[in-house]
């Protein structure tokens, strides 16, 4: 009997599905937003019929039983601490958004797995549901190389609170404690995002992190934010609506209307990042890490790479690991892994290191693009890293769509736009002519794992762009297009094992340019998810300042003029 475990992210935003086989291998994982080309895919089914059908047919053709696992144990709601009267409610703090979020999650939860029997008639289907934070922890643990670690989950909310701490021993998880009630660092950062004139519903916390480098923390603003959420023994707490209303008024002088210049909010962004860091430090201090201990971070707050990059040195940790998809899309993988572990009682969580778990370019679409032409020069040199390196060194901006898509929000070389980091004007060129986004937004550097320490201070492995580190002063001036305003870079480290083509490209680019680093950004335009189909990639090639596109072994160079 062939059993497959289908994990579904059922939060109501960031839906995704993942497949784990009977041996515990994570064989597929992808966010629904990619397939629908709808950023964050609010309200979409995680088991979208057409999206799910293809991978089930490819990876589960011999299935006799499906276990469909949801990433929440039940419809979410705030619970009071047992025995405590008057615990604040999320509905009191933000009644409109609390209802909206809850209803999206309720619909997703109540209907999860509905499409599986229709796609695979005759196959037995069982539904299960797992604790939200445990799903986060399971994927963080499975994607890490550690046997033992502390595992800290920090997000907007779980079933009863926003922070959970687990101990991982021999790759098995045990919950140590969790917070109760609506105190949340995730909600605090969302509040700052709104006050900076951005929209957390669109995931624009990224913009706050980038903007913070251009401002200075204002002590009064930092203290106003820290009064909204306080930490008791590692657990975030908060007050009622009046506290948040008063803070909104107090922060008014630094806040920005969406119609104003973005730099008007730079000091507030810096203050928000500083307040978040101070509160997160209090949470970390409550864990009780001994020198040299390993730490796993999961939940949406684990995407704060600026904060993450400082942790290992400041807290004396052995290593810090963040999974490729630490937010709610990654919970699809966590739920599937927990279902597999439940059926294999006593089994340790398997090691699932690769982020390249998604769809591949459709060969028919590639062949059709070549046949119809009109794109310029088309050759079978997409796999020729030397040729691609020569183009990059000559100033070309190249989209890459090779192999399987990355799972998670960050392009890691298989669905990327690559460019030469040496020209100072490259950053503005990309933001203006290709991405169509705000000029202050930074780009990430890719570097071979063995080169990272030569270029960055305190750098360790960072395969998923989870850590921002400070550039070494003598190196930063050589690659100005990937140096952020605060002197840091959110680096991606690669190895020959993790991505051999990308590693070869870095070596060839080093030979051509004298620099072993490439600029990397996601293959998309502002407001859209990373591309899914070949047609999506071709549309970007033909409608932006992209010069060429690699699709598997095919290289398409745009006609001049």
Protein backbone atom coordinates (compact mmCIF):
# COMPACT_ATOMS: atom_id res chain seq x y z
CA UNK A 1 0.00 0.00 0.00
CA UNK A 2 1.45 3.40 -1.04
CA UNK A 3 0.58 6.16 1.42
CA UNK A 4 1.19 9.85 0.67
CA UNK A 5 0.82 12.77 3.05
CA UNK A 6 -0.58 16.02 1.64
CA UNK A 7 0.01 19.01 3.88
CA UNK A 8 -2.14 22.11 3.43
CA UNK A 9 -1.58 25.64 4.72
CA UNK A 10 -5.09 26.67 5.77
CA UNK A 11 -4.56 30.10 7.35
CA UNK A 12 -6.61 31.85 4.67
CA UNK A 13 -3.56 33.65 3.30
CA UNK A 14 -0.36 32.20 1.86
CA UNK A 15 -2.02 28.87 0.98
CA UNK A 16 0.30 26.08 -0.12
CA UNK A 17 0.47 22.33 -0.38
CA UNK A 18 3.26 19.82 0.17
CA UNK A 19 3.64 16.10 -0.46
CA UNK A 20 5.58 13.66 1.73
CA UNK A 21 5.95 10.05 0.58
CA UNK A 22 5.77 6.92 2.71
CA UNK A 23 9.54 7.04 3.33
CA UNK A 24 9.29 10.54 4.82
CA UNK A 25 10.75 12.32 1.80
CA UNK A 26 9.42 15.81 1.08
CA UNK A 27 8.91 15.41 -2.67
CA UNK A 28 6.95 18.56 -3.54
CA UNK A 29 6.01 21.90 -1.97
CA UNK A 30 4.67 25.05 -3.58
CA UNK A 31 2.63 28.12 -2.67
CA UNK A 32 -0.71 28.65 -4.39
CA UNK A 33 0.19 32.27 -5.16
CA UNK A 34 2.73 31.06 -7.73
CA UNK A 35 0.16 29.06 -9.65
CA UNK A 36 -2.55 31.74 -9.51
CA UNK A 37 -0.08 34.63 -9.91
CA UNK A 38 -1.99 36.36 -7.11
CA UNK A 39 0.21 37.79 -4.35
CA UNK A 40 -0.47 35.94 -1.08
CA UNK A 41 -3.61 34.37 -2.67
CA UNK A 42 -5.98 35.55 0.06
CA UNK A 43 -8.99 33.25 0.30
CA UNK A 44 -7.75 30.72 -2.27
CA UNK A 45 -8.01 27.00 -1.57
CA UNK A 46 -4.62 25.46 -0.73
CA UNK A 47 -5.68 22.32 -2.60
CA UNK A 48 -6.69 24.30 -5.69
CA UNK A 49 -7.98 21.66 -8.08
CA UNK A 50 -5.85 22.38 -11.14
CA UNK A 51 -2.73 23.19 -9.12
CA UNK A 52 -2.90 20.01 -7.04
CA UNK A 53 -3.81 17.66 -9.88
CA UNK A 54 -0.48 17.81 -11.71
CA UNK A 55 1.83 17.01 -8.75
CA UNK A 56 -0.51 14.28 -7.49
CA UNK A 57 -0.38 12.62 -10.88
CA UNK A 58 3.39 12.94 -11.09
CA UNK A 59 4.51 12.12 -7.56
CA UNK A 60 1.64 9.96 -6.24
CA UNK A 61 0.63 7.85 -9.23
CA UNK A 62 0.69 4.62 -7.18
CA UNK A 63 -1.25 6.03 -4.22
CA UNK A 64 -3.72 3.78 -2.44
CA UNK A 65 -4.21 6.12 0.51
CA UNK A 66 -3.90 9.85 1.14
CA UNK A 67 -3.59 11.50 4.53
CA UNK A 68 -4.51 15.18 4.14
CA UNK A 69 -3.08 17.30 6.96
CA UNK A 70 -4.16 20.85 7.89
CA UNK A 71 -1.84 23.42 9.44
CA UNK A 72 -4.26 24.42 12.18
CA UNK A 73 -5.77 22.19 14.85
CA UNK A 74 -9.12 24.00 14.61
CA UNK A 75 -10.73 27.25 13.58
CA UNK A 76 -8.55 29.84 15.25
CA UNK A 77 -9.75 32.07 18.03
CA UNK A 78 -8.24 33.82 20.99
CA UNK A 79 -8.39 31.99 24.30
CA UNK A 80 -7.91 33.39 27.76
CA UNK A 81 -5.26 32.04 30.06
CA UNK A 82 -7.08 29.43 32.23
CA UNK A 83 -8.30 31.06 35.42
CA UNK A 84 -7.51 34.60 34.25
CA UNK A 85 -10.41 37.02 33.92
CA UNK A 86 -10.48 39.83 31.41
CA UNK A 87 -7.66 38.66 29.13
CA UNK A 88 -7.60 41.07 26.17
CA UNK A 89 -9.18 39.89 22.96
CA UNK A 90 -7.95 40.37 19.41
CA UNK A 91 -11.47 41.49 18.54
CA UNK A 92 -11.12 44.39 20.98
CA UNK A 93 -7.76 45.46 19.55
CA UNK A 94 -8.76 45.24 15.87
CA UNK A 95 -12.32 43.93 15.37
CA UNK A 96 -12.53 44.37 11.59
CA UNK A 97 -9.29 42.61 10.72
CA UNK A 98 -9.78 39.96 13.44
CA UNK A 99 -13.13 38.96 11.90
CA UNK A 100 -11.74 39.10 8.35
CA UNK A 101 -8.73 36.92 9.19
CA UNK A 102 -10.81 34.44 11.18
CA UNK A 103 -13.38 34.02 8.41
CA UNK A 104 -10.72 33.38 5.77
CA UNK A 105 -9.14 30.75 8.01
CA UNK A 106 -12.49 29.19 8.91
CA UNK A 107 -13.41 28.64 5.26
CA UNK A 108 -10.01 27.21 4.44
CA UNK A 109 -10.04 24.91 7.47
CA UNK A 110 -13.58 23.61 7.09
CA UNK A 111 -13.07 22.65 3.44
CA UNK A 112 -9.49 21.41 3.47
CA UNK A 113 -8.91 18.31 1.35
CA UNK A 114 -12.19 18.69 -0.51
CA UNK A 115 -10.57 18.39 -3.93
CA UNK A 116 -8.39 15.34 -3.25
CA UNK A 117 -11.12 12.67 -3.74
CA UNK A 118 -12.20 14.38 -6.97
CA UNK A 119 -8.64 14.34 -8.33
CA UNK A 120 -7.95 10.77 -7.19
CA UNK A 121 -11.25 8.85 -7.19
CA UNK A 122 -11.05 5.46 -5.54
CA UNK A 123 -8.12 6.38 -3.29
CA UNK A 124 -8.81 6.35 0.45
CA UNK A 125 -8.59 9.83 2.00
CA UNK A 126 -8.17 10.62 5.71
CA UNK A 127 -8.17 14.16 7.11
CA UNK A 128 -6.13 15.29 10.12
CA UNK A 129 -5.36 18.63 11.73
CA UNK A 130 -2.24 19.75 13.59
CA UNK A 131 -1.27 22.59 15.91
CA UNK A 132 -0.19 25.64 13.93
CA UNK A 133 3.05 26.35 15.78
CA UNK A 134 3.96 22.67 15.82
CA UNK A 135 3.71 22.72 12.00
CA UNK A 136 6.11 25.67 11.94
CA UNK A 137 8.47 23.82 14.26
CA UNK A 138 8.32 20.56 12.28
CA UNK A 139 9.43 22.21 9.04
CA UNK A 140 12.11 24.28 10.78
CA UNK A 141 13.46 21.08 12.35
CA UNK A 142 13.24 18.92 9.23
CA UNK A 143 15.03 21.49 7.06
CA UNK A 144 17.90 21.84 9.55
CA UNK A 145 20.99 19.62 9.86
CA UNK A 146 20.87 19.62 13.68
CA UNK A 147 20.12 16.69 15.94
CA UNK A 148 19.46 18.92 18.98
CA UNK A 149 18.33 22.54 19.16
CA UNK A 150 16.01 25.05 20.75
CA UNK A 151 13.13 25.81 18.36
CA UNK A 152 11.45 29.20 18.72
CA UNK A 153 8.29 30.08 16.78
CA UNK A 154 7.32 33.77 16.59
CA UNK A 155 4.47 34.93 14.36
CA UNK A 156 1.21 36.86 14.31
CA UNK A 157 -0.75 34.21 16.17
CA UNK A 158 -1.22 30.50 16.72
CA UNK A 159 -4.19 28.72 18.24
CA UNK A 160 -3.76 30.50 21.59
CA UNK A 161 -0.77 32.86 21.31
CA UNK A 162 2.03 34.12 19.11
CA UNK A 163 5.16 32.48 20.60
CA UNK A 164 5.99 28.82 21.23
CA UNK A 165 9.22 27.21 22.37
CA UNK A 166 10.11 23.60 21.57
CA UNK A 167 13.07 21.45 22.44
CA UNK A 168 14.43 19.26 19.65
CA UNK A 169 16.29 16.18 20.84
CA UNK A 170 17.46 13.58 18.32
CA UNK A 171 15.20 15.33 15.78
CA UNK A 172 12.06 14.91 17.90
CA UNK A 173 10.11 17.92 19.17
CA UNK A 174 8.67 18.57 22.63
CA UNK A 175 6.89 21.79 23.49
CA UNK A 176 8.39 23.58 26.49
CA UNK A 177 5.99 26.52 26.71
CA UNK A 178 3.79 28.84 24.68
CA UNK A 179 2.28 32.28 25.11
CA UNK A 180 -1.43 32.96 25.58
CA UNK A 181 -3.53 35.87 24.39
CA UNK A 182 -3.13 38.47 21.65
CA UNK A 183 0.29 39.92 22.52
CA UNK A 184 2.22 39.57 19.27
CA UNK A 185 5.46 40.85 17.77
CA UNK A 186 4.02 39.98 14.36
CA UNK A 187 1.03 42.25 14.92
CA UNK A 188 3.31 44.98 16.27
CA UNK A 189 5.35 44.91 13.07
CA UNK A 190 2.12 44.94 11.04
CA UNK A 191 1.04 48.04 12.98
CA UNK A 192 4.33 49.75 12.10
CA UNK A 193 3.90 48.67 8.47
CA UNK A 194 0.55 50.43 8.30
CA UNK A 195 1.88 53.57 9.98
CA UNK A 196 4.70 53.69 7.43
CA UNK A 197 2.07 53.84 4.66
CA UNK A 198 2.40 50.21 3.58
CA UNK A 199 -0.07 47.32 3.64
CA UNK A 200 0.65 44.22 5.73
CA UNK A 201 -2.08 42.35 3.81
CA UNK A 202 0.19 42.52 0.77
CA UNK A 203 3.18 41.41 2.79
CA UNK A 204 4.80 44.84 2.75
CA UNK A 205 6.69 44.31 5.99
CA UNK A 206 9.62 43.73 3.58
CA UNK A 207 9.45 47.42 2.70
CA UNK A 208 9.72 48.49 6.33
CA UNK A 209 12.84 46.35 6.85
CA UNK A 210 14.53 47.88 3.81
CA UNK A 211 13.46 51.43 4.65
CA UNK A 212 14.74 51.17 8.23
CA UNK A 213 18.32 51.45 6.96
CA UNK A 214 17.63 54.99 5.77
CA UNK A 215 16.35 56.31 9.10
CA UNK A 216 17.37 56.60 12.72
CA UNK A 217 15.44 55.19 15.67
CA UNK A 218 13.64 57.95 17.55
CA UNK A 219 13.73 57.13 21.30
CA UNK A 220 10.22 58.49 21.88
CA UNK A 221 8.77 56.44 19.01
CA UNK A 222 10.62 53.31 20.11
CA UNK A 223 9.24 53.63 23.63
CA UNK A 224 5.71 54.22 22.33
CA UNK A 225 5.91 50.99 20.38
CA UNK A 226 7.42 49.02 23.25
CA UNK A 227 4.48 50.06 25.45
CA UNK A 228 2.12 48.26 23.06
CA UNK A 229 3.69 44.86 23.65
CA UNK A 230 5.68 43.78 26.66
CA UNK A 231 7.40 40.50 27.45
CA UNK A 232 6.74 38.41 30.56
CA UNK A 233 9.00 35.35 30.87
CA UNK A 234 9.34 35.27 27.09
CA UNK A 235 5.59 35.63 26.44
CA UNK A 236 4.32 38.73 24.62
CA UNK A 237 1.45 40.57 26.31
CA UNK A 238 -0.59 43.61 25.27
CA UNK A 239 -3.41 45.88 26.37
CA UNK A 240 -6.76 46.90 24.94
CA UNK A 241 -7.76 49.08 22.01
CA UNK A 242 -7.21 52.38 23.82
CA UNK A 243 -3.50 51.61 24.18
CA UNK A 244 -3.14 51.06 20.43
CA UNK A 245 -5.26 54.11 19.60
CA UNK A 246 -3.10 56.29 21.86
CA UNK A 247 0.06 54.92 20.24
CA UNK A 248 -1.30 55.73 16.80
CA UNK A 249 -1.81 59.32 17.83
CA UNK A 250 1.61 59.55 19.48
CA UNK A 251 3.32 58.20 16.37
CA UNK A 252 1.48 60.58 14.06
CA UNK A 253 4.40 62.97 13.59
CA UNK A 254 6.54 60.17 12.12
CA UNK A 255 3.80 58.35 10.22
CA UNK A 256 3.31 58.54 6.48
CA UNK A 257 0.30 58.73 4.23
CA UNK A 258 0.62 56.53 1.14
CA UNK A 259 0.63 59.64 -1.04
CA UNK A 260 3.75 61.05 0.66
CA UNK A 261 7.36 60.38 -0.23
CA UNK A 262 8.44 57.06 1.23
CA UNK A 263 11.42 58.59 3.02
CA UNK A 264 9.00 60.46 5.28
CA UNK A 265 8.60 57.17 7.18
CA UNK A 266 12.28 56.20 7.37
CA UNK A 267 12.67 57.16 11.05
CA UNK A 268 9.49 55.31 11.99
CA UNK A 269 10.69 52.23 10.11
CA UNK A 270 14.00 52.38 11.97
CA UNK A 271 12.14 52.86 15.26
CA UNK A 272 9.89 49.89 14.51
CA UNK A 273 12.86 47.68 13.72
CA UNK A 274 14.59 48.81 16.93
CA UNK A 275 11.50 48.14 19.06
CA UNK A 276 11.03 44.73 17.46
CA UNK A 277 14.68 43.86 18.09
CA UNK A 278 14.55 44.90 21.74
CA UNK A 279 11.39 42.88 22.42
CA UNK A 280 12.61 39.87 20.45
CA UNK A 281 15.80 39.95 22.53
CA UNK A 282 13.67 39.61 25.67
CA UNK A 283 11.97 36.56 24.18
CA UNK A 284 15.34 35.03 23.28
CA UNK A 285 16.72 35.72 26.75
CA UNK A 286 13.91 33.64 28.28
CA UNK A 287 14.88 30.52 26.32
CA UNK A 288 17.93 29.79 28.45
CA UNK A 289 20.37 29.05 25.63
CA UNK A 290 23.78 27.86 26.79
CA UNK A 291 26.89 28.95 24.85
CA UNK A 292 27.16 26.94 21.65
CA UNK A 293 23.52 25.82 21.58
CA UNK A 294 21.76 25.67 18.21
CA UNK A 295 18.61 27.68 17.52
CA UNK A 296 15.82 27.08 15.03
CA UNK A 297 13.59 30.03 14.13
CA UNK A 298 10.17 29.68 12.51
CA UNK A 299 7.01 31.72 11.99
CA UNK A 300 6.59 34.84 9.90
CA UNK A 301 8.84 36.91 12.18
CA UNK A 302 11.75 34.64 11.23
CA UNK A 303 11.80 36.48 7.88
CA UNK A 304 13.35 39.50 9.65
CA UNK A 305 16.84 38.94 8.22
CA UNK A 306 18.24 42.17 9.68
CA UNK A 307 17.54 40.94 13.19
CA UNK A 308 18.50 37.33 12.44
CA UNK A 309 21.96 38.31 11.26
CA UNK A 310 22.95 39.58 14.70
CA UNK A 311 21.80 36.61 16.80
CA UNK A 312 24.58 34.06 16.64
CA UNK A 313 27.31 36.40 17.83
CA UNK A 314 25.30 38.38 20.38
CA UNK A 315 23.80 35.32 22.08
CA UNK A 316 26.84 33.07 21.75
CA UNK A 317 24.92 30.46 19.75
CA UNK A 318 26.48 27.58 17.89
CA UNK A 319 24.34 28.12 14.78
CA UNK A 320 20.99 29.64 13.82
CA UNK A 321 18.76 28.01 11.21
CA UNK A 322 15.71 29.46 9.45
CA UNK A 323 13.83 27.22 6.96
CA UNK A 324 13.29 28.27 3.32
CA UNK A 325 9.61 28.98 4.05
CA UNK A 326 9.32 30.00 7.73
CA UNK A 327 5.91 31.67 7.35
CA UNK A 328 2.52 30.04 6.86
CA UNK A 329 3.20 28.60 3.40
CA UNK A 330 5.91 26.45 4.99
CA UNK A 331 3.33 24.96 7.35
CA UNK A 332 2.08 22.83 4.48
CA UNK A 333 5.37 20.94 4.68
CA UNK A 334 5.23 20.88 8.47
CA UNK A 335 1.72 19.40 8.51
CA UNK A 336 2.63 16.68 6.00
CA UNK A 337 5.74 15.75 7.99
CA UNK A 338 3.76 15.55 11.24
CA UNK A 339 1.21 13.24 9.61
CA UNK A 340 4.03 10.98 8.40
CA UNK A 341 5.64 11.02 11.84
CA UNK A 342 2.34 10.11 13.49
CA UNK A 343 2.06 7.02 11.28
CA UNK A 344 5.68 6.11 12.01
CA UNK A 345 5.52 6.28 15.78
CA UNK A 346 8.85 7.01 17.36
CA UNK A 347 10.46 8.11 14.07
CA UNK A 348 12.68 11.17 14.05
CA UNK A 349 11.86 13.99 11.68
CA UNK A 350 13.57 13.30 8.33
CA UNK A 351 16.21 15.65 6.98
CA UNK A 352 14.73 17.69 4.10
CA UNK A 353 17.43 20.24 3.17
CA UNK A 354 16.54 21.22 -0.40
CA UNK A 355 14.37 24.28 -1.06
CA UNK A 356 13.99 23.30 -4.72
CA UNK A 357 10.66 21.52 -4.31
CA UNK A 358 8.28 23.20 -6.73
CA UNK A 359 7.21 22.98 -10.35
CA UNK A 360 9.53 22.69 -13.35
CA UNK A 361 9.27 24.60 -16.63
CA UNK A 362 6.85 22.93 -19.04
CA UNK A 363 8.93 21.51 -21.94
CA UNK A 364 6.01 22.05 -24.33
CA UNK A 365 5.89 25.75 -23.43
CA UNK A 366 9.65 26.03 -23.95
CA UNK A 367 9.40 24.29 -27.34
CA UNK A 368 6.51 26.55 -28.31
CA UNK A 369 8.51 29.65 -27.44
CA UNK A 370 11.38 28.49 -29.63
CA UNK A 371 9.08 27.56 -32.50
CA UNK A 372 7.20 30.82 -32.58
CA UNK A 373 10.30 32.97 -32.19
CA UNK A 374 10.01 36.73 -32.08
CA UNK A 375 12.16 36.98 -28.99
CA UNK A 376 15.54 37.46 -30.60
CA UNK A 377 18.40 35.01 -30.59
CA UNK A 378 17.44 31.57 -29.23
CA UNK A 379 20.14 28.98 -28.53
CA UNK A 380 20.67 25.77 -26.59
CA UNK A 381 23.13 27.54 -24.25
CA UNK A 382 20.98 27.99 -21.15
CA UNK A 383 23.08 25.44 -19.32
CA UNK A 384 26.34 27.04 -20.49
CA UNK A 385 27.36 28.89 -17.34
CA UNK A 386 30.37 30.42 -19.08
CA UNK A 387 28.22 32.05 -21.76
CA UNK A 388 25.75 33.37 -19.19
CA UNK A 389 28.64 34.73 -17.08
CA UNK A 390 30.05 36.56 -20.12
CA UNK A 391 26.69 38.21 -20.76
CA UNK A 392 26.37 39.24 -17.12
CA UNK A 393 29.89 40.67 -17.02
CA UNK A 394 29.03 42.64 -20.15
CA UNK A 395 26.12 44.36 -18.40
CA UNK A 396 23.19 42.11 -19.33
CA UNK A 397 20.34 41.56 -16.86
CA UNK A 398 19.23 37.94 -17.13
CA UNK A 399 16.19 36.08 -15.85
CA UNK A 400 16.71 32.47 -14.83
CA UNK A 401 14.04 29.74 -14.80
CA UNK A 402 15.90 26.48 -14.35
CA UNK A 403 14.81 23.22 -12.76
CA UNK A 404 12.43 23.13 -9.84
CA UNK A 405 11.12 26.31 -8.24
CA UNK A 406 12.19 27.31 -4.76
CA UNK A 407 9.73 26.82 -1.89
CA UNK A 408 9.33 29.99 0.11
CA UNK A 409 9.23 33.72 -0.59
CA UNK A 410 12.82 34.21 -1.81
CA UNK A 411 14.33 33.40 -5.19
CA UNK A 412 17.42 31.25 -4.71
CA UNK A 413 18.76 31.02 -8.25
CA UNK A 414 16.16 28.87 -9.98
CA UNK A 415 13.57 31.66 -10.42
CA UNK A 416 15.87 34.67 -10.21
CA UNK A 417 16.96 37.80 -12.01
CA UNK A 418 20.76 38.00 -12.00
CA UNK A 419 23.03 40.96 -12.71
CA UNK A 420 26.55 42.32 -12.25
CA UNK A 421 26.87 43.87 -8.75
CA UNK A 422 29.83 46.12 -9.69
CA UNK A 423 28.16 49.08 -11.49
CA UNK A 424 26.80 51.57 -8.92
CA UNK A 425 23.90 52.35 -11.26
CA UNK A 426 22.76 48.71 -11.54
CA UNK A 427 20.48 48.93 -8.50
CA UNK A 428 18.58 51.93 -9.87
CA UNK A 429 18.44 50.38 -13.34
CA UNK A 430 16.84 47.20 -12.02
CA UNK A 431 14.35 48.97 -9.77
CA UNK A 432 13.35 51.39 -12.52
CA UNK A 433 13.46 49.32 -15.72
CA UNK A 434 12.82 45.74 -14.60
CA UNK A 435 11.19 45.43 -11.19
CA UNK A 436 9.16 48.66 -11.23
CA UNK A 437 9.59 49.15 -7.50
CA UNK A 438 10.72 51.84 -5.06
CA UNK A 439 14.32 53.00 -5.62
CA UNK A 440 15.42 52.43 -2.01
CA UNK A 441 14.72 48.67 -2.11
CA UNK A 442 17.94 46.57 -1.86
CA UNK A 443 19.09 43.52 -3.79
CA UNK A 444 20.70 40.39 -2.43
CA UNK A 445 24.20 39.06 -3.12
CA UNK A 446 24.89 35.41 -4.00
CA UNK A 447 28.26 34.07 -2.91
CA UNK A 448 29.83 30.62 -2.74
CA UNK A 449 29.73 29.25 0.80
CA UNK A 450 33.51 29.09 1.06
CA UNK A 451 33.83 32.76 0.02
CA UNK A 452 31.33 34.24 2.48
CA UNK A 453 33.78 34.93 5.32
CA UNK A 454 36.10 36.82 2.96
CA UNK A 455 33.34 39.25 2.04
CA UNK A 456 31.13 39.50 5.16
CA UNK A 457 31.67 39.92 8.89
CA UNK A 458 30.53 37.02 11.11
CA UNK A 459 29.00 35.22 8.15
CA UNK A 460 27.99 31.57 8.28
CA UNK A 461 25.87 29.45 5.94
CA UNK A 462 22.87 31.38 4.66
CA UNK A 463 21.34 29.23 1.91
CA UNK A 464 17.88 30.81 2.09
CA UNK A 465 18.70 34.55 2.46
CA UNK A 466 17.74 34.43 6.13
CA UNK A 467 20.55 36.60 7.50
CA UNK A 468 21.81 40.10 6.76
CA UNK A 469 25.49 40.59 7.54
CA UNK A 470 27.79 43.58 7.37
CA UNK A 471 30.12 43.73 4.38
CA UNK A 472 33.83 43.90 5.03
CA UNK A 473 34.84 47.49 4.33
CA UNK A 474 37.47 46.68 1.71
CA UNK A 475 35.02 44.48 -0.20
CA UNK A 476 31.83 46.53 -0.19
CA UNK A 477 33.20 49.19 -2.55
CA UNK A 478 33.71 46.53 -5.23
CA UNK A 479 30.02 45.54 -5.36
CA UNK A 480 28.00 48.70 -4.62
CA UNK A 481 24.78 47.43 -6.24
CA UNK A 482 24.30 44.85 -3.46
CA UNK A 483 25.40 46.95 -0.47
CA UNK A 484 22.44 48.33 1.47
CA UNK A 485 22.39 51.80 3.02
CA UNK A 486 23.41 50.40 6.43
CA UNK A 487 26.42 48.55 4.99
CA UNK A 488 24.79 45.10 5.09
CA UNK A 489 23.74 42.51 2.55
CA UNK A 490 21.10 39.77 2.86
CA UNK A 491 23.35 37.11 1.47
CA UNK A 492 22.62 33.76 -0.12
CA UNK A 493 25.39 31.18 0.15
CA UNK A 494 25.51 28.31 -2.34
CA UNK A 495 27.52 25.13 -2.71
CA UNK A 496 28.15 22.69 -5.50
CA UNK A 497 25.84 20.25 -3.76
CA UNK A 498 22.92 22.64 -3.29
CA UNK A 499 22.94 24.25 -6.75
CA UNK A 500 25.79 23.09 -9.02
CA UNK A 501 24.84 25.29 -12.01
CA UNK A 502 24.67 28.44 -9.90
CA UNK A 503 27.98 27.58 -8.23
CA UNK A 504 29.60 27.11 -11.65
CA UNK A 505 28.13 30.43 -12.78
CA UNK A 506 29.71 32.21 -9.81
CA UNK A 507 33.11 30.73 -10.66
CA UNK A 508 32.78 31.71 -14.32
CA UNK A 509 31.63 35.21 -13.40
CA UNK A 510 34.63 35.55 -11.10
CA UNK A 511 36.92 34.67 -14.03
CA UNK A 512 35.15 37.17 -16.27
CA UNK A 513 34.88 40.03 -13.76
CA UNK A 514 37.24 39.43 -10.85
CA UNK A 515 34.29 39.30 -8.43
CA UNK A 516 32.79 35.99 -7.17
CA UNK A 517 29.41 37.56 -6.38
CA UNK A 518 26.21 38.09 -8.33
CA UNK A 519 23.22 40.33 -7.70
CA UNK A 520 20.07 38.25 -7.18
CA UNK A 521 16.42 39.24 -7.06
CA UNK A 522 13.21 37.33 -7.71
CA UNK A 523 11.92 36.78 -11.24
CA UNK A 524 8.83 38.94 -10.94
CA UNK A 525 7.70 42.54 -11.06
CA UNK A 526 6.43 44.54 -8.10
CA UNK A 527 3.08 43.33 -6.80
CA UNK A 528 3.27 39.93 -8.48
CA UNK A 529 4.51 36.61 -7.11
CA UNK A 530 7.59 34.89 -8.48
CA UNK A 531 6.82 33.41 -11.90
CA UNK A 532 5.24 29.98 -12.22
CA UNK A 533 4.83 29.23 -15.93
CA UNK A 534 7.17 29.77 -18.87
CA UNK A 535 4.63 32.24 -20.22
CA UNK A 536 5.00 34.34 -17.04
CA UNK A 537 8.76 34.50 -17.51
CA UNK A 538 8.49 35.37 -21.21
CA UNK A 539 6.06 38.18 -20.40
CA UNK A 540 8.63 39.74 -18.06
CA UNK A 541 11.33 39.37 -20.72
CA UNK A 542 9.25 41.18 -23.33
CA UNK A 543 7.69 43.89 -21.15
CA UNK A 544 10.63 44.99 -18.97
CA UNK A 545 14.30 45.89 -19.31
CA UNK A 546 15.38 42.27 -18.99
CA UNK A 547 18.03 41.47 -21.65
CA UNK A 548 17.87 37.69 -21.71
CA UNK A 549 16.14 34.70 -20.20
CA UNK A 550 17.44 31.23 -19.36
CA UNK A 551 14.75 28.53 -19.39
CA UNK A 552 16.39 25.23 -18.50
CA UNK A 553 18.83 24.60 -21.37
CA UNK A 554 17.49 27.38 -23.60
CA UNK A 555 18.96 30.89 -23.70
CA UNK A 556 16.74 33.60 -25.18
CA UNK A 557 18.49 36.90 -25.89
CA UNK A 558 16.24 39.85 -26.62
CA UNK A 559 16.63 41.60 -29.97
CA UNK A 560 18.35 44.96 -29.80
CA UNK A 561 15.93 47.84 -30.15
